C-alpha atoms as a PDB file:
ATOM      1  CA  MET A   1      13.437 -37.495 -15.142  1.00  0.00           C
ATOM      2  CA  THR A   2      12.620 -33.831 -16.148  1.00  0.00           C
ATOM      3  CA  ARG A   3      10.377 -35.525 -18.953  1.00  0.00           C
ATOM      4  CA  ASP A   4       8.591 -37.512 -16.602  1.00  0.00           C
ATOM      5  CA  TRP A   5       7.918 -34.572 -14.077  1.00  0.00           C
ATOM      6  CA  ARG A   6       6.776 -32.617 -16.959  1.00  0.00           C
ATOM      7  CA  ALA A   7       4.731 -35.560 -18.081  1.00  0.00           C
ATOM      8  CA  GLN A   8       3.195 -35.734 -14.960  1.00  0.00           C
ATOM      9  CA  ARG A   9       2.071 -32.128 -14.320  1.00  0.00           C
ATOM     10  CA  ARG A  10       0.753 -32.083 -17.600  1.00  0.00           C
ATOM     11  CA  GLU A  11      -1.543 -35.348 -16.833  1.00  0.00           C
ATOM     12  CA  ILE A  12      -2.456 -33.652 -13.668  1.00  0.00           C
ATOM     13  CA  ARG A  13      -3.508 -30.379 -15.413  1.00  0.00           C
ATOM     14  CA  ALA A  14      -5.681 -32.421 -18.065  1.00  0.00           C
ATOM     15  CA  GLN A  15      -7.066 -34.449 -15.580  1.00  0.00           C
ATOM     16  CA  ARG A  16      -6.841 -37.692 -17.383  1.00  0.00           C
ATOM     17  CA  ALA A  17      -5.463 -39.703 -14.312  1.00  0.00           C
ATOM     18  CA  SER A  18      -7.574 -41.549 -12.149  1.00  0.00           C
ATOM     19  CA  PRO A  19      -7.893 -40.964  -8.609  1.00  0.00           C
ATOM     20  CA  GLU A  20      -5.746 -43.959  -7.503  1.00  0.00           C
ATOM     21  CA  ARG A  21      -3.179 -42.175  -9.772  1.00  0.00           C
ATOM     22  CA  LEU A  22      -3.394 -38.914  -8.696  1.00  0.00           C
ATOM     23  CA  LEU A  23      -2.999 -40.059  -5.321  1.00  0.00           C
ATOM     24  CA  THR A  24      -0.072 -42.199  -6.360  1.00  0.00           C
ATOM     25  CA  LEU A  25       1.348 -38.556  -7.940  1.00  0.00           C
ATOM     26  CA  ALA A  26       0.919 -36.821  -4.579  1.00  0.00           C
ATOM     27  CA  GLN A  27       2.518 -39.359  -2.620  1.00  0.00           C
ATOM     28  CA  LEU A  28       5.605 -39.351  -4.994  1.00  0.00           C
ATOM     29  CA  ASP A  29       6.301 -35.769  -4.456  1.00  0.00           C
ATOM     30  CA  VAL A  30       4.738 -32.513  -2.514  1.00  0.00           C
ATOM     31  CA  THR A  31       4.882 -30.294  -5.070  1.00  0.00           C
ATOM     32  CA  LEU A  32       2.720 -32.667  -7.068  1.00  0.00           C
ATOM     33  CA  ALA A  33       0.256 -33.031  -3.811  1.00  0.00           C
ATOM     34  CA  ARG A  34      -0.272 -29.281  -3.671  1.00  0.00           C
ATOM     35  CA  LEU A  35      -0.599 -28.880  -7.561  1.00  0.00           C
ATOM     36  CA  ILE A  36      -3.260 -31.987  -7.466  1.00  0.00           C
ATOM     37  CA  ALA A  37      -4.947 -30.000  -4.252  1.00  0.00           C
ATOM     38  CA  GLN A  38      -5.809 -27.107  -5.932  1.00  0.00           C
ATOM     39  CA  GLN A  39      -7.138 -28.197  -9.530  1.00  0.00           C
ATOM     40  CA  SER A  40     -10.710 -27.443 -10.106  1.00  0.00           C
ATOM     41  CA  ARG A  41     -11.503 -30.597 -11.508  1.00  0.00           C
ATOM     42  CA  THR A  42      -9.551 -32.941  -9.032  1.00  0.00           C
ATOM     43  CA  PRO A  43     -12.319 -35.857  -7.837  1.00  0.00           C
ATOM     44  CA  ILE A  44     -13.752 -35.443  -4.588  1.00  0.00           C
ATOM     45  CA  PRO A  45     -12.529 -38.620  -3.352  1.00  0.00           C
ATOM     46  CA  VAL A  46      -8.721 -37.339  -3.765  1.00  0.00           C
ATOM     47  CA  LEU A  47      -9.626 -33.841  -2.247  1.00  0.00           C
ATOM     48  CA  GLU A  48     -10.869 -35.939   0.906  1.00  0.00           C
ATOM     49  CA  ASP A  49      -7.537 -37.905   1.156  1.00  0.00           C
ATOM     50  CA  LEU A  50      -5.596 -34.760   0.454  1.00  0.00           C
ATOM     51  CA  ALA A  51      -7.189 -33.196   3.221  1.00  0.00           C
ATOM     52  CA  ARG A  52      -5.138 -35.664   5.605  1.00  0.00           C
ATOM     53  CA  HIS A  53      -1.723 -34.765   4.186  1.00  0.00           C
ATOM     54  CA  PRO A  54       0.989 -34.167   6.289  1.00  0.00           C
ATOM     55  CA  ASP A  55       1.918 -31.036   4.508  1.00  0.00           C
ATOM     56  CA  VAL A  56       0.016 -27.798   5.704  1.00  0.00           C
ATOM     57  CA  PHE A  57       0.052 -26.089   2.317  1.00  0.00           C
ATOM     58  CA  THR A  58      -1.453 -28.710   0.356  1.00  0.00           C
ATOM     59  CA  ARG A  59      -4.277 -29.073   3.227  1.00  0.00           C
ATOM     60  CA  ARG A  60      -4.472 -25.026   2.620  1.00  0.00           C
ATOM     61  CA  LYS A  61      -4.903 -25.752  -1.044  1.00  0.00           C
ATOM     62  CA  VAL A  62      -7.402 -28.382  -0.169  1.00  0.00           C
ATOM     63  CA  ALA A  63      -9.361 -25.798   2.146  1.00  0.00           C
ATOM     64  CA  GLY A  64      -9.393 -23.444  -0.567  1.00  0.00           C
ATOM     65  CA  ASN A  65     -10.807 -25.728  -3.696  1.00  0.00           C
ATOM     66  CA  VAL A  66     -14.401 -24.878  -4.664  1.00  0.00           C
ATOM     67  CA  ARG A  67     -14.773 -28.639  -5.092  1.00  0.00           C
ATOM     68  CA  THR A  68     -13.957 -29.908  -1.421  1.00  0.00           C
ATOM     69  CA  PRO A  69     -17.506 -30.770  -0.052  1.00  0.00           C
ATOM     70  CA  ALA A  70     -18.783 -29.079   3.274  1.00  0.00           C
ATOM     71  CA  ASP A  71     -17.756 -31.951   5.831  1.00  0.00           C
ATOM     72  CA  THR A  72     -14.275 -31.863   4.755  1.00  0.00           C
ATOM     73  CA  LEU A  73     -14.157 -28.296   5.150  1.00  0.00           C
ATOM     74  CA  ARG A  74     -15.586 -28.464   8.798  1.00  0.00           C
ATOM     75  CA  THR A  75     -12.895 -30.834   9.620  1.00  0.00           C
ATOM     76  CA  LEU A  76     -10.297 -28.413   8.359  1.00  0.00           C
ATOM     77  CA  ALA A  77     -11.668 -25.687  10.284  1.00  0.00           C
ATOM     78  CA  ALA A  78     -11.167 -27.754  13.250  1.00  0.00           C
ATOM     79  CA  GLN A  79      -7.212 -26.941  12.663  1.00  0.00           C
ATOM     80  CA  ARG A  80      -5.376 -24.482  14.251  1.00  0.00           C
ATOM     81  CA  ARG A  81      -2.979 -23.400  11.002  1.00  0.00           C
ATOM     82  CA  PHE A  82      -4.733 -20.062  10.552  1.00  0.00           C
ATOM     83  CA  HIS A  83      -3.499 -19.976   7.064  1.00  0.00           C
ATOM     84  CA  ILE A  84      -5.537 -23.093   6.357  1.00  0.00           C
ATOM     85  CA  LEU A  85      -8.293 -21.590   8.387  1.00  0.00           C
ATOM     86  CA  LYS A  86      -8.264 -18.309   6.160  1.00  0.00           C
ATOM     87  CA  ALA A  87      -8.798 -20.575   3.063  1.00  0.00           C
ATOM     88  CA  VAL A  88     -11.675 -22.569   4.752  1.00  0.00           C
ATOM     89  CA  ALA A  89     -13.413 -18.655   5.590  1.00  0.00           C
ATOM     90  CA  GLY A  90     -13.256 -17.854   2.015  1.00  0.00           C
ATOM     91  CA  ASN A  91     -14.368 -20.937   0.409  1.00  0.00           C
ATOM     92  CA  PRO A  92     -18.070 -20.735  -0.487  1.00  0.00           C
ATOM     93  CA  ASN A  93     -18.923 -24.331   0.315  1.00  0.00           C
ATOM     94  CA  THR A  94     -18.076 -23.660   3.934  1.00  0.00           C
ATOM     95  CA  PRO A  95     -20.996 -23.962   6.268  1.00  0.00           C
ATOM     96  CA  ALA A  96     -22.519 -20.863   7.435  1.00  0.00           C
ATOM     97  CA  ASP A  97     -22.412 -22.101  11.284  1.00  0.00           C
ATOM     98  CA  VAL A  98     -18.575 -22.661  10.587  1.00  0.00           C
ATOM     99  CA  ILE A  99     -18.066 -19.203   8.806  1.00  0.00           C
ATOM    100  CA  ASP A 100     -19.855 -17.679  12.079  1.00  0.00           C
ATOM    101  CA  ASP A 101     -17.511 -19.563  14.376  1.00  0.00           C
ATOM    102  CA  LEU A 102     -14.416 -18.437  12.624  1.00  0.00           C
ATOM    103  CA  ALA A 103     -15.636 -14.929  12.485  1.00  0.00           C
ATOM    104  CA  ARG A 104     -14.766 -14.934  16.008  1.00  0.00           C
ATOM    105  CA  HIS A 105     -11.387 -16.571  15.699  1.00  0.00           C
ATOM    106  CA  PRO A 106      -8.634 -14.884  17.967  1.00  0.00           C
ATOM    107  CA  HIS A 107      -6.443 -14.557  14.818  1.00  0.00           C
ATOM    108  CA  HIS A 108      -7.453 -11.193  13.224  1.00  0.00           C
ATOM    109  CA  THR A 109      -6.891 -12.308   9.483  1.00  0.00           C
ATOM    110  CA  VAL A 110      -9.078 -15.307   9.998  1.00  0.00           C
ATOM    111  CA  ARG A 111     -11.640 -12.723  11.132  1.00  0.00           C
ATOM    112  CA  ILE A 112     -11.063 -10.549   8.031  1.00  0.00           C
ATOM    113  CA  ALA A 113     -11.216 -13.520   5.395  1.00  0.00           C
ATOM    114  CA  CYS A 114     -14.922 -14.169   6.535  1.00  0.00           C
ATOM    115  CA  LEU A 115     -16.140 -10.816   5.299  1.00  0.00           C
ATOM    116  CA  GLU A 116     -15.967 -12.127   1.764  1.00  0.00           C
ATOM    117  CA  ASN A 117     -17.920 -15.109   2.259  1.00  0.00           C
ATOM    118  CA  ARG A 118     -21.636 -14.606   1.604  1.00  0.00           C
ATOM    119  CA  THR A 119     -22.880 -17.091   3.990  1.00  0.00           C
ATOM    120  CA  LEU A 120     -21.360 -14.861   7.035  1.00  0.00           C
ATOM    121  CA  SER A 121     -24.719 -13.953   9.049  1.00  0.00           C
ATOM    122  CA  PHE A 122     -25.935 -10.610   9.180  1.00  0.00           C
ATOM    123  CA  ASN A 123     -25.047 -10.403  13.014  1.00  0.00           C
ATOM    124  CA  ARG A 124     -21.741 -11.266  12.742  1.00  0.00           C
ATOM    125  CA  TYR A 125     -20.823  -9.254   9.815  1.00  0.00           C
ATOM    126  CA  TYR A 126     -21.448  -5.948  11.991  1.00  0.00           C
ATOM    127  CA  GLU A 127     -19.977  -7.183  14.784  1.00  0.00           C
ATOM    128  CA  LEU A 128     -16.826  -7.270  12.430  1.00  0.00           C
ATOM    129  CA  ALA A 129     -17.720  -3.709  12.039  1.00  0.00           C
ATOM    130  CA  HIS A 130     -16.486  -3.082  15.528  1.00  0.00           C
ATOM    131  CA  ASP A 131     -13.882  -5.520  15.973  1.00  0.00           C
ATOM    132  CA  PRO A 132     -11.530  -4.331  18.337  1.00  0.00           C
ATOM    133  CA  HIS A 133      -8.699  -4.860  15.699  1.00  0.00           C
ATOM    134  CA  PRO A 134      -8.052  -1.807  13.409  1.00  0.00           C
ATOM    135  CA  ALA A 135      -7.262  -4.089  10.554  1.00  0.00           C
ATOM    136  CA  VAL A 136     -10.188  -5.939  10.818  1.00  0.00           C
ATOM    137  CA  GLN A 137     -12.562  -2.485  10.820  1.00  0.00           C
ATOM    138  CA  THR A 138     -10.642  -1.222   7.898  1.00  0.00           C
ATOM    139  CA  ALA A 139     -11.455  -4.481   5.927  1.00  0.00           C
ATOM    140  CA  TRP A 140     -15.092  -4.274   6.828  1.00  0.00           C
ATOM    141  CA  LEU A 141     -15.362  -0.755   5.763  1.00  0.00           C
ATOM    142  CA  ALA A 142     -13.718  -1.567   2.522  1.00  0.00           C
ATOM    143  CA  HIS A 143     -15.757  -4.356   1.988  1.00  0.00           C
ATOM    144  CA  GLU A 144     -19.266  -2.353   2.682  1.00  0.00           C
ATOM    145  CA  LEU A 145     -17.957   0.320   0.253  1.00  0.00           C
ATOM    146  CA  GLU A 146     -18.069  -2.333  -2.213  1.00  0.00           C
ATOM    147  CA  LEU A 147     -21.349  -3.145  -1.511  1.00  0.00           C
ATOM    148  CA  ILE A 148     -22.333   0.218  -2.018  1.00  0.00           C
ATOM    149  CA  ARG A 149     -20.547   0.715  -5.086  1.00  0.00           C
ATOM    150  CA  ALA A 150     -21.944  -2.396  -6.135  1.00  0.00           C
ATOM    151  CA  LYS A 151     -25.567  -0.701  -4.997  1.00  0.00           C
ATOM    152  CA  VAL A 152     -26.275  -3.773  -3.185  1.00  0.00           C
ATOM    153  CA  THR A 153     -26.387  -2.111  -0.043  1.00  0.00           C
ATOM    154  CA  PRO A 154     -27.788   1.027   1.030  1.00  0.00           C
ATOM    155  CA  LEU A 155     -25.857   4.264   1.747  1.00  0.00           C
ATOM    156  CA  PRO A 156     -24.925   4.921   5.091  1.00  0.00           C
ATOM    157  CA  THR A 157     -27.015   6.805   7.558  1.00  0.00           C
ATOM    158  CA  PRO A 158     -26.121  10.031   9.015  1.00  0.00           C
ATOM    159  CA  GLY A 159     -25.836   8.237  12.354  1.00  0.00           C
ATOM    160  CA  GLU A 160     -23.626   5.471  10.938  1.00  0.00           C
ATOM    161  CA  LEU A 161     -21.326   8.083   8.671  1.00  0.00           C
ATOM    162  CA  SER A 162     -20.670  10.002  12.077  1.00  0.00           C
ATOM    163  CA  GLU A 163     -19.728   6.947  13.707  1.00  0.00           C
ATOM    164  CA  TRP A 164     -17.179   6.231  10.911  1.00  0.00           C
ATOM    165  CA  LEU A 165     -15.812   9.605  10.818  1.00  0.00           C
ATOM    166  CA  ASP A 166     -15.133   9.358  14.627  1.00  0.00           C
ATOM    167  CA  SER A 167     -12.989   6.210  13.957  1.00  0.00           C
ATOM    168  CA  ALA A 168      -9.753   6.346  16.100  1.00  0.00           C
ATOM    169  CA  HIS A 169      -8.258   4.237  13.353  1.00  0.00           C
ATOM    170  CA  LEU A 170      -6.251   6.099  10.778  1.00  0.00           C
ATOM    171  CA  THR A 171      -6.395   3.279   8.324  1.00  0.00           C
ATOM    172  CA  PHE A 172     -10.162   3.536   8.832  1.00  0.00           C
ATOM    173  CA  ARG A 173     -10.287   6.946   7.886  1.00  0.00           C
ATOM    174  CA  ARG A 174      -8.131   7.096   5.080  1.00  0.00           C
ATOM    175  CA  VAL A 175     -10.424   4.218   3.319  1.00  0.00           C
ATOM    176  CA  LEU A 176     -13.694   6.084   3.759  1.00  0.00           C
ATOM    177  CA  ALA A 177     -11.485   9.500   2.513  1.00  0.00           C
ATOM    178  CA  ARG A 178     -10.816   7.731  -0.510  1.00  0.00           C
ATOM    179  CA  SER A 179     -14.411   6.551  -0.957  1.00  0.00           C
ATOM    180  CA  LEU A 180     -16.082   9.688  -0.568  1.00  0.00           C
ATOM    181  CA  HIS A 181     -17.415   9.768  -4.326  1.00  0.00           C
ATOM    182  CA  LEU A 182     -19.806   7.245  -3.315  1.00  0.00           C
ATOM    183  CA  LEU A 183     -21.485   9.352  -1.058  1.00  0.00           C
ATOM    184  CA  PRO A 184     -24.803  12.027  -1.918  1.00  0.00           C
ATOM    185  CA  PRO A 185     -23.145  15.590  -2.389  1.00  0.00           C
ATOM    186  CA  ASP A 186     -24.208  16.639   1.025  1.00  0.00           C
ATOM    187  CA  GLN A 187     -22.611  13.906   2.517  1.00  0.00           C
ATOM    188  CA  GLN A 188     -19.531  14.061   1.106  1.00  0.00           C
ATOM    189  CA  THR A 189     -19.040  18.036   2.111  1.00  0.00           C
ATOM    190  CA  ASP A 190     -20.009  17.134   5.441  1.00  0.00           C
ATOM    191  CA  ALA A 191     -17.458  13.893   5.442  1.00  0.00           C
ATOM    192  CA  ALA A 192     -14.674  16.084   3.718  1.00  0.00           C
ATOM    193  CA  ASP A 193     -15.127  18.973   6.419  1.00  0.00           C
ATOM    194  CA  ALA A 194     -14.965  16.332   9.435  1.00  0.00           C
ATOM    195  CA  LEU A 195     -11.914  14.585   7.623  1.00  0.00           C
ATOM    196  CA  LEU A 196     -10.086  17.864   7.119  1.00  0.00           C
ATOM    197  CA  ASP A 197      -9.681  18.190  11.011  1.00  0.00           C
ATOM    198  CA  ASP A 198      -7.716  15.005  10.959  1.00  0.00           C
ATOM    199  CA  ASN A 199      -4.532  16.879   9.432  1.00  0.00           C
ATOM    200  CA  ASP A 200      -3.232  13.660   8.199  1.00  0.00           C
ATOM    201  CA  PRO A 201      -1.473  14.423   4.752  1.00  0.00           C
ATOM    202  CA  VAL A 202      -2.901  11.643   2.859  1.00  0.00           C
ATOM    203  CA  ILE A 203      -6.603  12.111   3.913  1.00  0.00           C
ATOM    204  CA  ARG A 204      -6.341  15.916   2.856  1.00  0.00           C
ATOM    205  CA  GLU A 205      -5.433  15.000  -0.683  1.00  0.00           C
ATOM    206  CA  HIS A 206      -8.347  12.478  -1.156  1.00  0.00           C
ATOM    207  CA  VAL A 207     -11.025  14.972   0.635  1.00  0.00           C
ATOM    208  CA  ILE A 208     -10.009  18.522  -0.435  1.00  0.00           C
ATOM    209  CA  LEU A 209     -12.057  18.265  -3.556  1.00  0.00           C
ATOM    210  CA  TYR A 210     -14.990  17.892  -1.749  1.00  0.00           C
ATOM    211  CA  ALA A 211     -14.667  20.435   1.179  1.00  0.00           C
ATOM    212  CA  SER A 212     -16.677  23.367   1.801  1.00  0.00           C
ATOM    213  CA  GLU A 213     -14.797  26.771   0.883  1.00  0.00           C
ATOM    214  CA  ASP A 214     -14.582  28.048   4.530  1.00  0.00           C
ATOM    215  CA  GLN A 215     -12.779  24.260   5.206  1.00  0.00           C
ATOM    216  CA  GLN A 216     -10.483  24.522   2.298  1.00  0.00           C
ATOM    217  CA  ASN A 217      -9.325  28.013   2.523  1.00  0.00           C
ATOM    218  CA  PRO A 218      -6.971  27.615   5.841  1.00  0.00           C
ATOM    219  CA  HIS A 219      -4.953  24.835   4.002  1.00  0.00           C
ATOM    220  CA  ALA A 220      -3.644  26.922   1.146  1.00  0.00           C
ATOM    221  CA  ARG A 221      -0.217  26.731   2.717  1.00  0.00           C
ATOM    222  CA  ASP A 222      -0.397  23.036   2.338  1.00  0.00           C
ATOM    223  CA  PRO A 223       2.862  21.243   1.260  1.00  0.00           C
ATOM    224  CA  SER A 224       0.808  19.376  -1.450  1.00  0.00           C
ATOM    225  CA  PRO A 225       0.586  21.077  -4.681  1.00  0.00           C
ATOM    226  CA  TRP A 226      -2.495  19.241  -5.104  1.00  0.00           C
ATOM    227  CA  VAL A 227      -4.128  20.574  -2.406  1.00  0.00           C
ATOM    228  CA  ARG A 228      -2.970  24.175  -2.873  1.00  0.00           C
ATOM    229  CA  GLY A 229      -4.237  23.411  -6.577  1.00  0.00           C
ATOM    230  CA  VAL A 230      -7.683  22.708  -5.638  1.00  0.00           C
ATOM    231  CA  ILE A 231      -7.820  25.456  -3.640  1.00  0.00           C
ATOM    232  CA  ALA A 232      -6.315  27.678  -6.068  1.00  0.00           C
ATOM    233  CA  ALA A 233      -9.052  26.738  -8.966  1.00  0.00           C
ATOM    234  CA  ARG A 234     -11.777  27.179  -6.624  1.00  0.00           C
ATOM    235  CA  THR A 235     -11.589  29.654  -3.863  1.00  0.00           C
ATOM    236  CA  THR A 236     -13.466  32.605  -4.057  1.00  0.00           C
ATOM    237  CA  ASP A 237     -11.369  34.819  -1.881  1.00  0.00           C
ATOM    238  CA  PRO A 238      -9.605  37.512  -4.027  1.00  0.00           C
ATOM    239  CA  ASP A 239      -6.482  37.850  -1.698  1.00  0.00           C
ATOM    240  CA  LEU A 240      -6.002  34.269  -1.490  1.00  0.00           C
ATOM    241  CA  TYR A 241      -6.638  33.845  -4.957  1.00  0.00           C
ATOM    242  CA  HIS A 242      -3.830  36.404  -6.155  1.00  0.00           C
ATOM    243  CA  VAL A 243      -1.460  34.693  -3.590  1.00  0.00           C
ATOM    244  CA  LEU A 244      -1.839  31.189  -5.455  1.00  0.00           C
ATOM    245  CA  LEU A 245      -1.667  32.639  -8.689  1.00  0.00           C
ATOM    246  CA  HIS A 246       1.911  33.566  -7.597  1.00  0.00           C
ATOM    247  CA  ASP A 247       2.632  30.453  -6.209  1.00  0.00           C
ATOM    248  CA  PRO A 248       6.220  28.888  -6.490  1.00  0.00           C
ATOM    249  CA  ASP A 249       4.594  25.271  -8.002  1.00  0.00           C
ATOM    250  CA  GLN A 250       3.471  25.602 -11.767  1.00  0.00           C
ATOM    251  CA  HIS A 251       0.682  23.219 -11.105  1.00  0.00           C
ATOM    252  CA  VAL A 252      -0.904  25.753  -8.566  1.00  0.00           C
ATOM    253  CA  ARG A 253      -0.487  28.645 -10.939  1.00  0.00           C
ATOM    254  CA  ARG A 254      -2.197  26.627 -13.739  1.00  0.00           C
ATOM    255  CA  ALA A 255      -5.224  25.738 -11.368  1.00  0.00           C
ATOM    256  CA  ALA A 256      -5.371  29.474 -10.377  1.00  0.00           C
ATOM    257  CA  ALA A 257      -5.578  30.395 -14.122  1.00  0.00           C
ATOM    258  CA  ARG A 258      -8.813  28.294 -14.366  1.00  0.00           C
ATOM    259  CA  ASN A 259     -10.355  29.827 -11.249  1.00  0.00           C
ATOM    260  CA  PRO A 260     -13.474  32.063 -12.513  1.00  0.00           C
ATOM    261  CA  GLN A 261     -11.815  35.242 -11.115  1.00  0.00           C
ATOM    262  CA  HIS A 262      -9.007  34.728 -13.837  1.00  0.00           C
ATOM    263  CA  THR A 263     -11.684  35.533 -16.187  1.00  0.00           C
ATOM    264  CA  ALA A 264     -12.862  38.523 -14.599  1.00  0.00           C
ATOM    265  CA  HIS A 265      -9.521  39.661 -14.363  1.00  0.00           C
ATOM    266  CA  PRO A 266      -8.124  39.175 -17.646  1.00  0.00           C
ATOM    267  CA  GLY A 267      -4.839  41.248 -16.786  1.00  0.00           C
ATOM    268  CA  ALA A 268      -3.943  38.485 -14.447  1.00  0.00           C
ATOM    269  CA  HIS A 269      -0.818  36.599 -14.906  1.00  0.00           C
ATOM    270  CA  PRO A 270      -0.523  33.062 -14.528  1.00  0.00           C
END
């Protein structure tokens, strides 16, 4: 029995079976049905048939298969199972009007899945930027930053950046803090200074390197050695420098030893 099972799986993977044979195998066992539904070379008639399979996970595999035709995806999009709809939203063959409809679906994970689909309209894309759910807004920002990194979309305008910095959602601000390196130097400093007011320890560790000295120095007693170390290596305040030169953490002391003031005062000891 085990040999037959393994032979059936190999037959499916090799796609040597006829559509009729594949459908027969799909009826024998739900695991085989799911395997057939996800294969990139499964014949289209088989996918169309499996789109009506009683097993929801088989239908989800069909919804995510790049060979599934648009009409079948449109039919699957009419179902209520949100994980099927997520697969439909991520399929590049899904018609643009279906993607735009799914971008307003009540379940936030379906709306997030639409962000990766290239057929999502410009208007719907920017609706998701102001979505009421924080996870959708955060996913939108992460996607937008990826586009900026790939240089396929322009850098944010000052107004857009200001709007991002004013976000009420901590996860949104954390994603922005991790991506300041994508911004021009002047925007990096302005954004870092604004985010330092957030007083979130994760955000501070990401933005301290980009902040102006006036905004950095007040955090010299931060619990994070990384934050104190950045300040120790860069501060021009001699009193603060000497305090950090004798910090309990060796990482901070080493950073202070790299400060230009250490060269100016060779008698100082790390």
